[in-house]
Protein backbone atom coordinates (compact mmCIF):
# COMPACT_ATOMS: atom_id res chain seq x y z
CA MET A 1 -16.59 25.23 42.32
CA THR A 2 -14.49 28.36 42.49
CA SER A 3 -14.82 31.19 40.04
CA SER A 4 -11.31 30.62 38.68
CA ALA A 5 -12.18 26.96 37.95
CA LYS A 6 -15.37 28.06 36.17
CA LEU A 7 -13.38 30.59 34.17
CA MET A 8 -10.81 27.93 33.20
CA ILE A 9 -13.55 25.50 32.08
CA GLY A 10 -15.29 28.25 30.10
CA ALA A 11 -12.04 29.26 28.37
CA THR A 12 -11.27 25.63 27.52
CA LEU A 13 -14.75 25.07 26.06
CA LEU A 14 -14.52 28.28 24.04
CA ALA A 15 -11.10 27.29 22.65
CA LEU A 16 -12.46 23.84 21.76
CA LEU A 17 -15.48 25.38 20.03
CA VAL A 18 -13.27 27.74 17.98
CA ALA A 19 -10.97 24.85 16.98
CA VAL A 20 -13.87 22.62 15.86
CA ALA A 21 -15.51 25.48 13.93
CA GLY A 22 -12.19 26.31 12.24
CA TYR A 23 -11.70 22.69 11.22
CA HIS A 24 -15.19 22.37 9.72
CA PHE A 25 -15.77 25.80 8.16
CA PHE A 26 -12.40 27.07 6.95
CA PRO A 27 -11.05 25.71 3.67
CA ARG A 28 -8.19 23.23 3.74
CA ASP A 29 -5.85 22.44 0.90
CA PRO A 30 -7.64 19.69 -1.04
CA PHE A 31 -4.32 18.39 -2.35
CA SER A 32 -3.28 17.41 1.18
CA GLN A 33 -6.51 15.54 1.97
CA PRO A 34 -6.89 11.76 1.55
CA GLY A 35 -7.49 10.69 -2.04
CA GLN A 36 -5.70 9.94 -5.29
CA SER A 37 -4.06 12.28 -7.78
CA TRP A 38 -4.06 11.91 -11.55
CA LYS A 39 -1.85 14.02 -13.83
CA ASN A 40 -2.17 15.03 -17.48
CA GLU A 41 1.00 16.76 -18.58
CA THR A 42 1.59 17.75 -22.19
CA PRO A 43 4.09 20.21 -23.72
CA HIS A 44 1.73 23.22 -23.43
CA THR A 45 -0.75 22.32 -20.67
CA TRP A 46 -1.07 20.33 -17.48
CA GLU A 47 -3.80 19.33 -15.06
CA VAL A 48 -3.56 17.66 -11.68
CA LEU A 49 -6.88 16.07 -10.72
CA ARG A 50 -7.32 15.08 -7.07
CA LEU A 51 -10.22 12.69 -6.34
CA LEU A 52 -10.80 12.99 -2.62
CA ASP A 53 -12.05 10.10 -0.50
CA SER A 54 -14.88 12.42 0.64
CA GLY A 55 -16.45 12.43 -2.87
CA LYS A 56 -15.17 15.91 -3.68
CA TYR A 57 -12.53 16.71 -6.30
CA ALA A 58 -10.13 19.53 -7.03
CA ALA A 59 -8.18 20.19 -10.21
CA ARG A 60 -5.33 22.59 -10.89
CA VAL A 61 -5.25 23.48 -14.56
CA TRP A 62 -2.59 25.43 -16.45
CA CYS A 63 -1.82 26.24 -20.08
CA ASP A 64 1.09 28.20 -21.55
CA VAL A 65 -1.06 31.28 -22.23
CA CYS A 66 -3.31 31.23 -19.14
CA PRO A 67 -2.88 31.39 -15.36
CA VAL A 68 -3.33 28.43 -13.03
CA ARG A 69 -7.03 27.80 -12.33
CA LEU A 70 -8.53 25.77 -9.51
CA VAL A 71 -11.72 23.86 -10.31
CA SER A 72 -13.60 21.89 -7.67
CA GLY A 73 -16.79 19.93 -7.25
CA ALA A 74 -18.10 16.44 -6.59
CA TRP A 75 -17.14 13.19 -8.29
CA SER A 76 -18.84 9.82 -8.56
CA ARG A 77 -18.06 6.44 -10.06
CA SER A 78 -20.28 4.09 -12.03
CA GLY A 79 -18.25 1.06 -13.09
CA ASN A 80 -15.17 2.42 -14.82
CA VAL A 81 -16.71 5.87 -15.54
CA ILE A 82 -15.70 8.80 -13.31
CA THR A 83 -18.11 11.74 -13.48
CA LEU A 84 -16.92 15.20 -12.38
CA ARG A 85 -19.60 17.77 -11.47
CA PRO A 86 -18.09 21.23 -10.84
CA ASP A 87 -19.32 23.56 -8.10
CA GLN A 88 -19.04 26.58 -10.40
CA PRO A 89 -22.20 27.25 -12.43
CA GLU A 90 -20.20 28.05 -15.58
CA GLY A 91 -18.35 24.72 -15.35
CA ARG A 92 -19.41 21.68 -17.32
CA MET A 93 -19.74 18.08 -16.27
CA ARG A 94 -16.94 15.78 -17.47
CA GLU A 95 -16.72 12.03 -17.82
CA LEU A 96 -13.44 10.15 -17.73
CA ILE A 97 -12.99 6.42 -18.31
CA GLU A 98 -10.63 4.47 -16.04
CA THR A 99 -8.79 2.02 -18.27
CA ASN A 100 -5.54 0.14 -18.69
CA SER A 101 -3.35 0.75 -21.71
CA ASN A 102 0.13 -0.68 -22.19
CA GLY A 103 0.20 -1.72 -18.52
CA CYS A 104 -0.71 1.76 -17.25
CA ARG A 105 -3.84 2.68 -15.32
CA LEU A 106 -5.28 5.82 -16.92
CA LEU A 107 -8.22 8.21 -16.74
CA ALA A 108 -9.05 9.17 -20.31
CA HIS A 109 -11.65 11.22 -22.12
CA PRO A 110 -13.91 8.82 -24.08
CA LYS A 111 -12.72 10.34 -27.39
CA ALA A 112 -9.13 9.44 -26.44
CA ILE A 113 -9.83 5.70 -26.48
CA GLU A 114 -9.59 4.05 -29.89
CA LYS A 115 -11.66 0.99 -30.84
CA ASN A 116 -8.70 -1.31 -30.21
CA GLY A 117 -8.37 0.06 -26.64
CA VAL A 118 -5.23 2.11 -27.26
CA VAL A 119 -5.38 5.48 -25.47
CA ASN A 120 -4.05 8.77 -26.85
CA PRO A 121 -1.54 9.77 -24.13
CA LEU A 122 -2.09 13.47 -24.74
CA MET A 123 -5.70 13.09 -23.56
CA ALA A 124 -5.09 10.81 -20.55
CA HIS A 125 -4.33 11.29 -16.86
CA LEU A 126 -1.69 9.05 -15.31
CA ARG A 127 -2.13 8.07 -11.66
CA GLU A 128 0.56 9.62 -9.47
CA GLY A 129 2.73 7.17 -7.61
CA GLU A 130 2.38 4.35 -10.12
CA PRO A 131 5.36 3.94 -12.45
CA CYS A 132 4.14 4.15 -16.01
CA GLU A 133 5.26 5.01 -19.52
CA VAL A 134 2.83 5.62 -22.37
CA GLN A 135 3.74 6.39 -25.95
CA SER A 136 1.70 7.78 -28.81
CA LEU A 137 1.91 5.53 -31.85
CA VAL A 138 1.15 8.45 -34.14
CA ASP A 139 3.78 11.05 -33.22
CA GLY A 140 6.11 9.11 -30.88
CA TYR A 141 5.31 11.38 -27.91
CA VAL A 142 6.34 9.63 -24.65
CA ARG A 143 5.03 10.41 -21.16
CA ARG A 144 6.58 8.92 -18.03
CA LEU A 145 5.42 9.04 -14.45
């Protein structure tokens, strides 16, 4: 084998190694990875929760008096309960219940679900891509997705 052929093979292997390392070790936008997105949008806050197929999650959170925050970690499912465990040590574990209310599939905080199964729409995430309309019986607030 000639020295130019050896050099070409070495350069190709080095480029391949750099590409594989970049793919595995450099962060990628979690919102473009395979998974499902859930949105909670109220008049003064919003959160987009992305449950990735890999078992990781990412959430963008905003309120009218605070900047956008990104929270990430691991998620797991046990029946209809989704558990979110953040990577950040100051974060706290959250549990959300997957439920149906008024024909909508929702992720809701347990305190948002009344005994009759009705969900407070201000405390629920709607799944993106599924047409849905939920309405609060108390104040008439309507959310559409």
